[in-house]
Structure formats: structure tokens, C-alpha cells
Protein backbone atom coordinates (compact mmCIF):
# COMPACT_ATOMS: atom_id res chain seq x y z
CA UNK A 1 -42.95 10.03 19.42
CA UNK A 2 -39.18 10.29 19.73
CA UNK A 3 -38.59 6.58 20.23
CA UNK A 4 -39.80 5.42 16.84
CA UNK A 5 -37.13 3.35 15.08
CA UNK A 6 -35.79 4.52 11.77
CA UNK A 7 -37.50 2.84 8.79
CA UNK A 8 -34.38 2.38 6.72
CA UNK A 9 -30.65 2.80 7.16
CA UNK A 10 -28.89 5.19 4.84
CA UNK A 11 -27.55 3.19 1.92
CA UNK A 12 -25.83 6.00 0.09
CA UNK A 13 -24.67 9.54 0.66
CA UNK A 14 -24.87 10.43 -3.00
CA UNK A 15 -28.46 9.49 -3.82
CA UNK A 16 -31.02 8.77 -1.12
CA UNK A 17 -33.78 6.39 -2.18
CA UNK A 18 -35.39 6.15 1.24
CA UNK A 19 -36.52 9.77 1.55
CA UNK A 20 -39.12 11.64 -0.52
CA UNK A 21 -37.69 13.83 -3.22
CA UNK A 22 -38.95 17.35 -3.69
CA UNK A 23 -40.68 18.22 -6.91
CA UNK A 24 -38.08 20.24 -8.81
CA UNK A 25 -39.39 19.78 -12.33
CA UNK A 26 -39.86 23.52 -12.65
CA UNK A 27 -36.15 24.10 -12.14
CA UNK A 28 -35.11 21.43 -14.63
CA UNK A 29 -31.34 21.11 -15.12
CA UNK A 30 -30.71 24.10 -12.86
CA UNK A 31 -30.92 21.76 -9.87
CA UNK A 32 -28.04 19.70 -11.20
CA UNK A 33 -26.03 22.83 -11.99
CA UNK A 34 -26.56 24.25 -8.51
CA UNK A 35 -25.64 20.93 -6.91
CA UNK A 36 -22.47 20.69 -8.98
CA UNK A 37 -21.47 24.26 -8.11
CA UNK A 38 -22.13 23.66 -4.42
CA UNK A 39 -20.16 20.43 -4.52
CA UNK A 40 -17.27 22.11 -6.34
CA UNK A 41 -17.18 24.98 -3.85
CA UNK A 42 -17.25 22.61 -0.90
CA UNK A 43 -14.35 20.56 -2.26
CA UNK A 44 -12.61 23.42 -4.01
CA UNK A 45 -9.22 22.63 -2.49
CA UNK A 46 -9.22 19.06 -3.79
CA UNK A 47 -10.50 20.12 -7.22
CA UNK A 48 -7.91 22.89 -7.57
CA UNK A 49 -5.15 20.51 -6.48
CA UNK A 50 -6.24 17.85 -8.99
CA UNK A 51 -6.52 20.44 -11.77
CA UNK A 52 -3.06 21.84 -11.07
CA UNK A 53 -1.68 18.32 -10.90
CA UNK A 54 -3.23 17.50 -14.27
CA UNK A 55 -1.86 20.72 -15.79
CA UNK A 56 1.60 19.98 -14.42
CA UNK A 57 1.73 16.44 -15.74
CA UNK A 58 0.34 17.51 -19.11
CA UNK A 59 2.87 20.34 -19.37
CA UNK A 60 5.75 18.01 -18.48
CA UNK A 61 4.49 15.45 -20.98
CA UNK A 62 4.06 18.07 -23.72
CA UNK A 63 7.59 19.38 -23.15
CA UNK A 64 9.01 15.85 -23.25
CA UNK A 65 7.52 15.15 -26.69
CA UNK A 66 9.86 15.80 -29.63
CA UNK A 67 8.64 18.46 -32.08
CA UNK A 68 7.06 17.16 -35.26
CA UNK A 69 7.29 19.07 -38.53
CA UNK A 70 4.81 18.48 -41.36
CA UNK A 71 5.07 19.42 -45.02
CA UNK A 72 2.56 18.88 -47.81
CA UNK A 73 2.92 18.67 -51.61
CA UNK A 74 -0.16 19.07 -53.81
CA UNK A 75 -0.66 17.18 -57.07
CA UNK A 76 -3.36 17.67 -59.72
CA UNK A 77 -4.28 14.65 -61.84
CA UNK A 78 -4.88 15.50 -65.52
CA UNK A 79 -6.25 13.44 -68.46
CA UNK A 80 -3.64 11.30 -70.17
CA UNK A 81 -2.55 12.22 -73.72
CA UNK A 82 -2.11 9.14 -75.92
CA UNK A 83 0.03 9.66 -79.08
CA UNK A 84 -0.38 7.41 -82.07
CA UNK A 85 1.09 7.37 -85.56
CA UNK A 86 0.88 10.54 -87.58
CA UNK A 87 1.33 12.55 -84.31
CA UNK A 88 -2.36 12.46 -83.59
CA UNK A 89 -3.31 12.56 -79.90
CA UNK A 90 -6.36 11.15 -78.23
CA UNK A 91 -7.44 12.44 -74.83
CA UNK A 92 -8.46 9.59 -72.55
CA UNK A 93 -11.18 9.92 -69.97
CA UNK A 94 -10.30 10.48 -66.34
CA UNK A 95 -13.01 9.73 -63.76
CA UNK A 96 -13.10 9.47 -59.98
CA UNK A 97 -12.42 5.74 -60.00
CA UNK A 98 -9.27 6.38 -61.98
CA UNK A 99 -8.32 9.05 -59.41
CA UNK A 100 -8.68 6.49 -56.62
CA UNK A 101 -6.47 4.11 -58.57
CA UNK A 102 -3.76 6.75 -58.94
CA UNK A 103 -4.01 7.48 -55.20
CA UNK A 104 -3.34 3.80 -54.47
CA UNK A 105 -0.39 3.97 -56.86
CA UNK A 106 1.11 6.76 -54.78
CA UNK A 107 0.58 4.67 -51.62
CA UNK A 108 2.05 1.54 -53.20
CA UNK A 109 5.07 -0.12 -51.68
CA UNK A 110 6.94 0.04 -54.99
CA UNK A 111 6.82 3.81 -55.19
CA UNK A 112 7.45 4.38 -51.48
CA UNK A 113 10.37 1.95 -51.39
CA UNK A 114 11.98 3.77 -54.31
CA UNK A 115 11.71 7.09 -52.48
CA UNK A 116 12.87 5.45 -49.23
CA UNK A 117 16.00 4.06 -50.87
CA UNK A 118 16.77 7.11 -53.02
CA UNK A 119 16.72 9.43 -49.98
CA UNK A 120 18.77 7.01 -47.86
CA UNK A 121 16.32 6.87 -44.96
CA UNK A 122 17.17 3.38 -43.75
CA UNK A 123 19.73 4.78 -41.30
CA UNK A 124 17.44 7.53 -39.97
CA UNK A 125 17.38 7.40 -36.12
CA UNK A 126 13.69 8.27 -35.86
CA UNK A 127 12.73 5.37 -38.15
CA UNK A 128 14.67 2.77 -36.17
CA UNK A 129 12.92 -0.29 -34.72
CA UNK A 130 13.54 0.75 -31.10
CA UNK A 131 11.79 4.09 -30.87
CA UNK A 132 11.32 5.59 -27.40
CA UNK A 133 7.82 5.17 -26.04
CA UNK A 134 5.58 7.65 -24.29
CA UNK A 135 6.70 6.75 -20.78
CA UNK A 136 10.36 6.83 -21.75
CA UNK A 137 9.99 10.25 -23.33
CA UNK A 138 8.05 11.52 -20.33
CA UNK A 139 10.66 10.49 -17.80
CA UNK A 140 13.74 10.96 -19.95
CA UNK A 141 14.80 14.02 -17.94
CA UNK A 142 14.99 11.94 -14.75
CA UNK A 143 17.14 9.28 -16.38
CA UNK A 144 19.95 11.46 -17.64
CA UNK A 145 22.41 9.61 -15.43
CA UNK A 146 21.83 6.43 -17.41
CA UNK A 147 22.53 8.07 -20.77
CA UNK A 148 26.05 6.68 -21.10
CA UNK A 149 25.01 3.11 -20.32
CA UNK A 150 22.07 3.29 -22.73
CA UNK A 151 24.38 4.64 -25.43
CA UNK A 152 26.69 1.65 -24.91
CA UNK A 153 23.82 -0.80 -25.16
CA UNK A 154 22.53 0.92 -28.30
CA UNK A 155 25.95 0.78 -29.89
CA UNK A 156 26.28 -2.92 -29.07
CA UNK A 157 22.86 -3.65 -30.54
CA UNK A 158 23.81 -1.83 -33.74
CA UNK A 159 26.98 -3.86 -33.99
CA UNK A 160 24.99 -7.04 -33.70
CA UNK A 161 22.51 -5.86 -36.32
CA UNK A 162 25.24 -4.88 -38.75
CA UNK A 163 26.92 -8.28 -38.38
CA UNK A 164 23.82 -10.32 -39.19
CA UNK A 165 22.18 -9.95 -42.66
CA UNK A 166 18.83 -11.19 -41.39
CA UNK A 167 18.81 -8.62 -38.62
CA UNK A 168 19.78 -5.95 -41.15
CA UNK A 169 16.77 -6.88 -43.27
CA UNK A 170 14.52 -6.75 -40.21
CA UNK A 171 15.87 -3.32 -39.25
CA UNK A 172 15.36 -1.98 -42.78
CA UNK A 173 11.86 -3.44 -42.94
CA UNK A 174 10.98 -1.83 -39.62
CA UNK A 175 12.42 1.49 -40.79
CA UNK A 176 10.39 1.30 -44.01
CA UNK A 177 7.18 0.51 -42.10
CA UNK A 178 7.76 3.49 -39.83
CA UNK A 179 8.44 5.61 -42.92
CA UNK A 180 5.16 4.50 -44.52
CA UNK A 181 3.22 5.28 -41.31
CA UNK A 182 4.50 8.85 -41.34
CA UNK A 183 3.44 9.39 -44.95
CA UNK A 184 -0.15 10.29 -45.74
CA UNK A 185 -1.67 10.62 -49.23
CA UNK A 186 -5.29 11.68 -49.57
CA UNK A 187 -7.70 13.23 -52.04
CA UNK A 188 -9.12 16.66 -51.41
CA UNK A 189 -12.85 16.00 -51.33
CA UNK A 190 -14.11 14.54 -54.63
CA UNK A 191 -11.63 16.46 -56.77
CA UNK A 192 -8.59 15.27 -58.72
CA UNK A 193 -6.24 17.01 -56.26
CA UNK A 194 -4.03 14.75 -54.16
CA UNK A 195 -2.12 15.94 -51.10
CA UNK A 196 1.05 14.11 -50.06
CA UNK A 197 1.99 14.84 -46.44
CA UNK A 198 4.94 13.69 -44.39
CA UNK A 199 5.74 14.30 -40.70
CA UNK A 200 9.19 14.12 -39.13
CA UNK A 201 11.15 15.47 -36.20
CA UNK A 202 13.76 16.76 -38.69
CA UNK A 203 12.55 20.14 -40.03
CA UNK A 204 14.33 19.65 -43.39
CA UNK A 205 13.12 16.13 -44.13
CA UNK A 206 9.31 16.50 -44.60
CA UNK A 207 9.56 18.71 -47.68
CA UNK A 208 12.18 16.43 -49.26
CA UNK A 209 10.09 13.32 -48.72
CA UNK A 210 6.83 14.92 -49.92
CA UNK A 211 8.49 16.32 -53.04
CA UNK A 212 10.35 13.04 -53.56
CA UNK A 213 7.10 11.05 -53.54
CA UNK A 214 5.53 13.42 -56.06
CA UNK A 215 8.63 13.22 -58.28
CA UNK A 216 8.64 9.44 -57.93
CA UNK A 217 5.03 9.29 -59.08
CA UNK A 218 5.86 11.51 -62.07
CA UNK A 219 8.91 9.38 -62.87
CA UNK A 220 6.87 6.20 -62.70
CA UNK A 221 4.17 7.57 -65.01
CA UNK A 222 6.69 8.86 -67.57
CA UNK A 223 8.71 5.63 -67.41
CA UNK A 224 5.58 3.66 -68.26
CA UNK A 225 4.93 5.89 -71.28
CA UNK A 226 8.56 5.60 -72.34
CA UNK A 227 8.32 1.81 -72.27
CA UNK A 228 5.09 1.88 -74.26
CA UNK A 229 6.66 4.21 -76.81
CA UNK A 230 9.68 1.94 -77.26
CA UNK A 231 7.38 -1.04 -77.72
CA UNK A 232 5.40 0.72 -80.45
CA UNK A 233 6.38 0.01 -84.04
CA UNK A 234 5.65 3.55 -85.19
CA UNK A 235 7.35 5.45 -82.36
CA UNK A 236 9.33 8.54 -83.33
CA UNK A 237 12.81 9.25 -81.99
CA UNK A 238 11.83 12.74 -80.90
CA UNK A 239 9.05 11.29 -78.77
CA UNK A 240 11.49 8.90 -77.13
CA UNK A 241 13.97 11.70 -76.49
CA UNK A 242 11.27 13.85 -74.85
CA UNK A 243 10.16 11.02 -72.61
CA UNK A 244 13.76 10.17 -71.67
CA UNK A 245 14.46 13.78 -70.75
CA UNK A 246 11.37 14.00 -68.57
CA UNK A 247 12.17 10.66 -66.97
CA UNK A 248 15.76 11.68 -66.15
CA UNK A 249 14.53 14.91 -64.60
CA UNK A 250 11.95 13.08 -62.49
CA UNK A 251 14.50 10.46 -61.40
CA UNK A 252 17.00 13.12 -60.39
CA UNK A 253 14.32 15.06 -58.49
CA UNK A 254 13.25 11.91 -56.64
CA UNK A 255 16.84 11.26 -55.49
CA UNK A 256 17.27 14.86 -54.38
CA UNK A 257 13.90 15.12 -52.70
CA UNK A 258 12.75 17.96 -54.91
CA UNK A 259 10.49 18.52 -57.92
CA UNK A 260 11.50 18.05 -61.60
CA UNK A 261 13.36 21.04 -62.96
CA UNK A 262 11.64 20.84 -66.38
CA UNK A 263 7.98 20.50 -67.38
CA UNK A 264 6.58 16.96 -67.42
CA UNK A 265 3.46 17.06 -69.58
CA UNK A 266 3.43 13.27 -70.03
CA UNK A 267 3.10 12.54 -66.30
CA UNK A 268 -0.72 12.70 -66.33
CA UNK A 269 -0.36 15.01 -63.34
CA UNK A 270 0.71 18.54 -62.63
CA UNK A 271 2.31 19.79 -59.45
CA UNK A 272 0.24 22.70 -58.13
CA UNK A 273 1.90 23.03 -54.73
CA UNK A 274 5.44 22.15 -53.80
CA UNK A 275 6.25 20.98 -50.28
CA UNK A 276 8.11 23.74 -48.45
CA UNK A 277 10.26 23.38 -45.33
CA UNK A 278 8.01 24.04 -42.31
CA UNK A 279 8.68 27.17 -40.29
CA UNK A 280 7.36 25.76 -37.01
CA UNK A 281 6.53 22.32 -35.65
CA UNK A 282 2.99 21.13 -36.27
CA UNK A 283 3.04 18.77 -33.29
CA UNK A 284 2.86 18.35 -30.38
CA UNK A 285 0.26 21.00 -29.64
CA UNK A 286 1.53 21.81 -26.17
CA UNK A 287 -1.19 24.30 -25.29
CA UNK A 288 -3.94 21.87 -26.26
CA UNK A 289 -2.25 19.01 -24.38
CA UNK A 290 -1.86 21.17 -21.28
CA UNK A 291 -5.49 22.31 -21.45
CA UNK A 292 -6.62 18.72 -21.91
CA UNK A 293 -4.54 17.73 -18.90
CA UNK A 294 -6.27 20.42 -16.84
CA UNK A 295 -9.71 19.22 -17.93
CA UNK A 296 -8.81 15.61 -17.16
CA UNK A 297 -7.43 16.70 -13.80
CA UNK A 298 -10.68 18.53 -13.02
CA UNK A 299 -12.77 15.52 -14.05
CA UNK A 300 -10.48 13.29 -12.03
CA UNK A 301 -10.96 15.62 -9.09
CA UNK A 302 -14.74 15.30 -9.37
CA UNK A 303 -14.34 11.53 -9.54
CA UNK A 304 -12.11 11.59 -6.47
CA UNK A 305 -14.60 13.74 -4.60
CA UNK A 306 -17.45 11.38 -5.51
CA UNK A 307 -15.37 8.38 -4.44
CA UNK A 308 -14.48 10.02 -1.15
CA UNK A 309 -18.10 10.96 -0.52
CA UNK A 310 -19.17 7.39 -1.15
CA UNK A 311 -16.57 5.91 1.24
CA UNK A 312 -15.93 8.69 3.76
CA UNK A 313 -18.68 8.49 6.36
CA UNK A 314 -17.40 11.33 8.53
CA UNK A 315 -19.88 14.11 9.23
CA UNK A 316 -18.93 17.61 8.16
CA UNK A 317 -22.08 19.71 8.21
CA UNK A 318 -25.43 19.80 9.96
CA UNK A 319 -27.40 18.99 6.82
CA UNK A 320 -25.58 15.68 6.33
CA UNK A 321 -25.99 14.85 10.02
CA UNK A 322 -29.74 15.44 9.95
CA UNK A 323 -30.20 13.62 6.64
CA UNK A 324 -28.15 10.53 7.46
CA UNK A 325 -29.14 10.12 11.11
CA UNK A 326 -32.85 10.75 10.66
CA UNK A 327 -32.83 13.13 13.65
CA UNK A 328 -33.12 16.89 13.79
CA UNK A 329 -29.82 18.70 14.17
CA UNK A 330 -30.46 21.15 17.01
CA UNK A 331 -27.30 23.17 16.58
CA UNK A 332 -23.99 23.65 14.82
CA UNK A 333 -21.36 24.83 17.33
CA UNK A 334 -18.13 26.43 16.06
CA UNK A 335 -14.76 25.88 17.67
CA UNK A 336 -14.67 27.61 21.08
CA UNK A 337 -12.17 30.48 21.32
CA UNK A 338 -10.83 29.11 24.63
CA UNK A 339 -11.84 26.79 27.48
CA UNK A 340 -13.55 29.38 29.67
CA UNK A 341 -17.09 28.62 28.50
CA UNK A 342 -19.49 31.53 28.07
CA UNK A 343 -17.90 34.81 29.25
CA UNK A 344 -19.85 37.53 31.02
CA UNK A 345 -18.71 40.16 28.54
CA UNK A 346 -19.14 38.76 25.06
CA UNK A 347 -16.53 40.19 22.69
CA UNK A 348 -16.17 39.81 18.95
CA UNK A 349 -14.22 36.56 19.38
CA UNK A 350 -17.08 34.94 21.31
CA UNK A 351 -20.10 36.18 19.36
CA UNK A 352 -20.31 33.18 17.02
CA UNK A 353 -19.83 30.62 19.77
CA UNK A 354 -22.29 32.23 22.22
CA UNK A 355 -24.86 32.70 19.45
CA UNK A 356 -24.60 28.99 18.59
CA UNK A 357 -25.09 28.01 22.26
CA UNK A 358 -28.05 30.41 22.46
CA UNK A 359 -29.62 28.81 19.36
CA UNK A 360 -29.00 25.37 20.84
CA UNK A 361 -30.78 26.34 24.06
CA UNK A 362 -33.74 27.66 22.07
CA UNK A 363 -33.87 24.48 19.93
CA UNK A 364 -33.80 22.31 23.04
CA UNK A 365 -36.57 24.36 24.64
CA UNK A 366 -38.73 24.00 21.55
CA UNK A 367 -38.07 20.25 21.29
CA UNK A 368 -38.84 19.72 24.99
CA UNK A 369 -41.86 21.99 25.38
CA UNK A 370 -44.18 19.10 26.23
CA UNK A 371 -41.59 17.32 28.39
CA UNK A 372 -41.16 19.84 31.21
CA UNK A 373 -42.07 18.51 34.62
CA UNK A 374 -43.04 21.18 37.18
CA UNK A 375 -41.17 23.85 35.25
CA UNK A 376 -37.93 21.87 35.30
CA UNK A 377 -36.26 19.67 32.73
CA UNK A 378 -33.39 17.16 32.73
CA UNK A 379 -31.20 17.21 29.64
CA UNK A 380 -28.45 14.65 28.96
CA UNK A 381 -25.59 15.37 26.55
CA UNK A 382 -23.55 12.42 25.30
CA UNK A 383 -21.21 11.39 22.50
CA UNK A 384 -19.92 8.12 21.10
CA UNK A 385 -16.19 8.70 21.71
CA UNK A 386 -14.11 11.12 23.80
CA UNK A 387 -13.00 14.48 22.42
CA UNK A 388 -16.35 15.54 20.97
CA UNK A 389 -16.61 18.50 23.35
CA UNK A 390 -19.56 17.28 25.41
CA UNK A 391 -18.32 18.99 28.58
CA UNK A 392 -17.88 22.31 26.79
CA UNK A 393 -21.42 22.18 25.39
CA UNK A 394 -22.95 21.04 28.70
CA UNK A 395 -21.16 23.69 30.77
CA UNK A 396 -21.86 26.49 28.29
CA UNK A 397 -25.52 25.48 28.05
CA UNK A 398 -25.78 25.37 31.84
CA UNK A 399 -24.16 28.82 32.19
CA UNK A 400 -26.48 30.36 29.61
CA UNK A 401 -29.57 28.83 31.23
CA UNK A 402 -28.40 29.99 34.67
CA UNK A 403 -27.90 33.58 33.49
CA UNK A 404 -31.49 33.63 32.21
CA UNK A 405 -32.72 33.35 35.82
CA UNK A 406 -32.99 29.59 36.32
CA UNK A 407 -31.39 27.36 38.90
CA UNK A 408 -29.26 24.80 37.04
CA UNK A 409 -27.45 21.72 38.34
CA UNK A 410 -24.68 20.22 36.23
CA UNK A 411 -23.60 16.61 36.72
CA UNK A 412 -20.25 16.56 35.02
CA UNK A 413 -18.15 13.80 33.54
CA UNK A 414 -14.56 14.48 34.68
CA UNK A 415 -13.02 12.15 32.11
CA UNK A 416 -14.05 14.48 29.30
CA UNK A 417 -13.37 17.82 30.99
CA UNK A 418 -12.04 20.55 28.76
CA UNK A 419 -12.88 23.53 31.00
CA UNK A 420 -10.40 24.54 33.65
CA UNK A 421 -12.99 25.64 36.21
CA UNK A 422 -14.81 22.31 36.13
CA UNK A 423 -11.51 20.44 36.35
CA UNK A 424 -10.73 22.34 39.56
CA UNK A 425 -14.14 21.39 40.91
CA UNK A 426 -13.41 17.73 40.34
CA UNK A 427 -9.99 17.83 41.98
CA UNK A 428 -11.32 19.75 45.00
CA UNK A 429 -14.56 17.78 45.47
CA UNK A 430 -14.81 15.37 48.34
CA UNK A 431 -17.89 13.63 46.92
CA UNK A 432 -19.42 12.75 43.59
CA UNK A 433 -22.62 11.21 42.33
CA UNK A 434 -20.95 7.79 42.41
CA UNK A 435 -19.82 8.35 46.05
CA UNK A 436 -23.25 9.55 47.09
CA UNK A 437 -24.97 6.57 45.43
CA UNK A 438 -22.43 4.10 46.81
CA UNK A 439 -22.62 5.48 50.37
CA UNK A 440 -26.33 6.22 50.27
CA UNK A 441 -25.91 9.90 51.16
CA UNK A 442 -29.00 12.11 51.20
CA UNK A 443 -29.07 15.22 49.05
CA UNK A 444 -28.45 17.61 51.95
CA UNK A 445 -25.15 15.86 52.68
CA UNK A 446 -23.85 16.20 49.12
CA UNK A 447 -21.56 19.17 48.55
CA UNK A 448 -22.26 21.01 45.26
CA UNK A 449 -19.73 23.56 44.07
CA UNK A 450 -20.92 26.81 42.58
CA UNK A 451 -19.16 27.72 39.33
CA UNK A 452 -20.45 30.83 37.53
CA UNK A 453 -23.85 30.41 39.18
CA UNK A 454 -24.14 26.71 38.29
CA UNK A 455 -24.21 23.93 40.89
CA UNK A 456 -21.65 21.36 39.72
CA UNK A 457 -21.18 17.78 40.91
CA UNK A 458 -18.88 15.22 39.26
CA UNK A 459 -20.46 11.98 38.16
CA UNK A 460 -17.54 9.64 38.77
CA UNK A 461 -15.44 9.42 41.90
CA UNK A 462 -11.70 9.71 42.30
CA UNK A 463 -11.94 6.29 43.97
CA UNK A 464 -11.77 3.61 41.30
CA UNK A 465 -13.52 1.05 43.49
CA UNK A 466 -16.48 3.37 44.00
CA UNK A 467 -16.83 3.78 40.24
CA UNK A 468 -16.68 0.02 39.69
CA UNK A 469 -19.16 -0.88 42.42
CA UNK A 470 -21.68 1.90 41.83
CA UNK A 471 -24.90 0.96 40.07
CA UNK A 472 -26.33 4.04 38.39
CA UNK A 473 -29.64 2.24 37.93
CA UNK A 474 -29.97 2.15 41.71
CA UNK A 475 -33.00 3.99 43.11
CA UNK A 476 -30.61 6.12 45.18
CA UNK A 477 -29.36 7.78 42.00
CA UNK A 478 -32.91 8.41 40.86
CA UNK A 479 -33.80 10.00 44.21
CA UNK A 480 -30.77 12.32 43.99
CA UNK A 481 -31.69 13.42 40.47
CA UNK A 482 -35.34 13.95 41.42
CA UNK A 483 -34.28 16.04 44.41
CA UNK A 484 -32.11 18.25 42.23
CA UNK A 485 -34.96 18.65 39.75
CA UNK A 486 -37.08 20.11 42.50
CA UNK A 487 -34.63 23.01 42.63
CA UNK A 488 -34.42 23.63 38.87
CA UNK A 489 -33.12 22.31 35.59
CA UNK A 490 -30.61 19.46 35.43
CA UNK A 491 -27.94 18.88 32.80
CA UNK A 492 -26.12 15.56 32.64
CA UNK A 493 -22.66 15.61 31.07
CA UNK A 494 -22.47 11.89 30.32
CA UNK A 495 -19.32 9.85 29.63
CA UNK A 496 -18.76 8.51 26.09
CA UNK A 497 -20.86 5.52 25.11
CA UNK A 498 -17.94 3.73 23.49
CA UNK A 499 -16.02 3.30 26.74
CA UNK A 500 -18.71 2.92 29.39
CA UNK A 501 -22.29 1.79 29.85
CA UNK A 502 -22.84 4.33 32.63
CA UNK A 503 -24.05 6.80 30.03
CA UNK A 504 -26.88 4.45 29.04
CA UNK A 505 -27.89 4.03 32.67
CA UNK A 506 -27.97 7.78 33.37
CA UNK A 507 -29.55 8.77 30.05
CA UNK A 508 -32.77 6.98 31.02
CA UNK A 509 -33.33 9.54 33.84
CA UNK A 510 -33.25 12.51 31.44
CA UNK A 511 -36.28 13.99 29.75
CA UNK A 512 -34.29 14.60 26.58
CA UNK A 513 -30.97 13.25 25.30
CA UNK A 514 -28.74 15.05 22.79
CA UNK A 515 -26.06 13.20 20.83
CA UNK A 516 -22.95 15.25 20.04
CA UNK A 517 -20.86 14.61 16.91
CA UNK A 518 -17.48 16.17 16.20
CA UNK A 519 -17.23 17.67 12.73
CA UNK A 520 -14.76 15.88 10.49
CA UNK A 521 -14.14 12.98 12.90
CA UNK A 522 -17.38 11.36 14.03
CA UNK A 523 -18.88 8.99 11.46
CA UNK A 524 -22.55 8.55 10.73
CA UNK A 525 -22.31 4.91 11.85
CA UNK A 526 -21.11 6.02 15.29
CA UNK A 527 -24.03 8.45 15.64
CA UNK A 528 -26.51 5.81 14.47
CA UNK A 529 -25.14 3.21 16.88
CA UNK A 530 -25.21 5.71 19.76
CA UNK A 531 -28.86 6.53 19.05
CA UNK A 532 -29.78 2.85 18.86
CA UNK A 533 -28.05 2.07 22.18
CA UNK A 534 -29.72 4.99 23.92
CA UNK A 535 -33.17 4.11 22.63
CA UNK A 536 -32.61 0.50 23.59
CA UNK A 537 -32.02 1.65 27.20
CA UNK A 538 -35.23 3.69 27.18
CA UNK A 539 -33.68 7.12 26.64
CA UNK A 540 -35.55 9.80 24.73
CA UNK A 541 -33.20 11.03 22.00
CA UNK A 542 -34.58 14.32 20.68
CA UNK A 543 -31.79 15.43 18.35
CA UNK A 544 -28.12 15.82 17.57
CA UNK A 545 -25.51 18.59 17.78
CA UNK A 546 -22.53 19.09 15.48
CA UNK A 547 -19.59 20.49 17.43
CA UNK A 548 -16.27 22.11 16.47
CA UNK A 549 -17.41 23.19 13.03
CA UNK A 550 -14.81 25.14 11.04
CA UNK A 551 -16.29 28.28 9.54
């Protein structure tokens, strides 16, 4: 039952299509919320770092932006009074279409160019053709050393522009286009009220421009009436004088960037709100930009986590190991406090580790209930690469089984030793399993060393030739293992599969094989390949173990 091949390889770690999904319709969107919260808590360090990074960049960017001041003037369009002979007046209709026409008049190039020239904005630095871009403003603080050279280049470019009439026209045209982009005229709903708004980095300029545009519109309307009155054959001198006075006041106000100082009843419009100098900048909204940067950083963090999960195949918890390998995870072992194995007196430092080894022993017993042969069992522990802690798990498991009243024999791999006692056994041993198999020694001639109640024998010899010439598939090795099983349980601490095929040869003699993965380093592909190699050699792989888990 344990040698059945897996039906499908895992194609994704984000969404598994090859396993049945539980019916969670009753929970609805709560499943997604719980998954997102669990994912955020698991990768909280990366998400917090990305959020702080986004807040930092947004704050730096917001501080690098120049402040923008906005001022608005409000204009009310009124019906036009038409004067004919005999000083009779006729009130003309004023509908919404006419209001749209007057709005386009305010936006016209003729009116805006008059205001632009009267206020002398062609030499304004912020309206120049070479305005600093976003990246330049963002990193301007790191380029302070180049300020003098940039000033020289700017001065040279201005000299060239001033010496060429065509370039002067291009510069003025660019300045006017930038001026028109900063000006906004709009109707308030479906009413006859028009708002004229201007934004600038100079706190005194927006009110002057907004008032200047309103005064320019008034001047243009009065000038048209003045021309019509002069063209009339029955025009009165007093009417002409009144129009001239209003026109002069509007012209003067347009040049000064203010509103007419006298009433202008012939302007077909009435100023209901003058543009005032702003008290604080309206842009940039630094708090909003910083908050947006934090949100983007958080979303970017989630995207980074998803990308890492899709590409990073390293195993970090027992649930992922069981899901992606298709095998039961028999235990999750924390990092051992030291290299002494299982102590006789378990203190607070060893409780978690000993409890995990105890749970592993119980899981192995449950998985191998039907595999025991004459009350003994042979368990092989193996990993794909060195450093997974196979020797620590094998020795600790053997010690715990021995202290429960069983006789346990441990065949140890000296190349992966991480316990001092077993290392001393290897250096002091005169024989090993490879020596016994190579020389054909019977079991009674093999010297086992007792370490904490466990009979220990190294697998490989100190003699390189003996290791190279020994065939672990030889019947002599099988007879030695069967003889040790007559005494009690056997645990095989096998060498890594990646560096030697001896593990495959010895794993076939075990009743159950456990594959060890190191948390945060072993990939799911390595575990899958190890399981496939072991099953190909006839080994019975019953489960996996995740070792060195950080808690």
C-alpha cells in the first residue's frame, strides 16, 4: 500500500488542482479572509518591510514636490441689457447654451493671452519649457553637488534663447501653454456661476491670475459694447463715457491682477467671489501620498510573497511537506538545544525537542503496526543531502525506544554525525558494517559499542578501499541485519542519497523508510526525487519528517 506511485506531480503551491477541495460554501468569503490573514502573519516580516519601504519612498517623494497654491474667483453671468434710442432698454434672454458660450470665451486664447502678457508671465521660471520632472524632483536632494554646473548650463541655454528670435517665440509659446494648463474655468453644476481657478507654486500669483482673467472677461465684454455704441447712429455721449470708464477700470484691473475698482453693470456678469491669496498650499497632499505609498507597498509585499511562493520550492512547515510530497508528515522536530541527544533529565530547554521525538516514535509505531516481524522492526532514516540532521533524529529515536524497555541497534552513518558520543564510537571502532560485510565476519565477531543503552555500529569503514569494494546488497549484509533483528529493533542511519547509492541498497532491508527534510533548505523536488529513488529500489517509504523547525 505504501509503494503506490503518486498520481500527479504538484504543479503549483498556490492552487492545487490535483487534490479534492473541501466544501467550504458555508463559510463563503471567510475562507479567503482567513487564508489572507494566515498568509500575512506567516510573511509578516516581508510585508512590514515592504510597507515601510513604500511609506519611506512616498514620504520622500511628497517632500520633494514643490508646494502648489490654488486660488479661485467666482463669476455670475447676468442677462445683457441692450440700450436703444430714447434710453429704452431691452433685456435679452440668457440660457444655458449662452452660458456655455461665455465659458468658452473665458477659455479662449485671446483672453488668456491678454492676461498672460499683461501680468508679464513669460519670464516666470515655473512656466519655462524645461520644467523638472518627477524623477528629477525626487532625487534633487542627492544631486546638490551638481547645482553649480546645472546653473551654468541653464544660463547658457537662456543666452542662446535670447539671441534667437525663433527660440524666443518657442519659449514664450511653451510658457503660455503651461500657463493655460494651470488655469481651469468651469461651471458650477447647471447654474450661471463660473469658477476661474489657477494653481501655482508662488503663493501670491494664483489670486492675481484668477482676478486678472475675470477682469479681462469684463473688459472684453464692455469693450464690445463700447464698440457697438460708437457704431450706433443714435448713441449718446454719456453712454460712451460710462462704457469708457468701465473699460478703463477693467483694463487696469487686468494689468494689476485684481478686480475693477468701480461697478461694471455692462459686463453681463457680476463678480460674486474674488480670488484671495491662499493661506496654505493645496498640493501636494503629503499625507495622502504617504498613505497611498504605504498601501502600494503592502500590495507590493503581497505580490512579492505570492511570487516567492510560486518560485521558492523550499519546505518550511509540515503542512506544505505533506501536501506537496503526497506522504504523511510523521513529525516536526525543532532545533535541538545541543548535540547530546535525549538527556536523562529533561529540563525546560529539552521539553519541545523530546516531545517531538516522542511524537515521532508514536507516529512510526502507528504507521508500522502491521509491519512488525516477531516483535521487532527495522526503520531506516535518510535524507537527500547532508546537514538535514538524520543522525540526530536516528540517535534520539533509538535512545527513546531503548529507554522504553526495548533492545535497539543503531547502524550509524559517520559522514553525517552531529552527536559527539557517536563520533567517538566511530573513531574508536575497529570494525564497521562495511568491514564485516567485506571480511565476511559473523555477528558474534562484530564489536558493538554501547552508548546510552543503544548498540551502535558504524556503517562505513575508516578504510576507503573497504567502502569502495563493499556491496551492501550482498547476502552477508542481510544476514547481519537479520541477526540484529533477532535481538530487537534496528534503526539505520543512512548516508545522503545525493552523494551515495549505499542508502538505496540498505533502505531495501528496512521495514519502513522515513525521509528527512530540513526546514527552509530542502526543496520539495529533492524530497520527491528521494522518494522515487527509494521506491525504485524496493524500499517502503512510510512518511517524512521535517527537521530543524524554527518555532
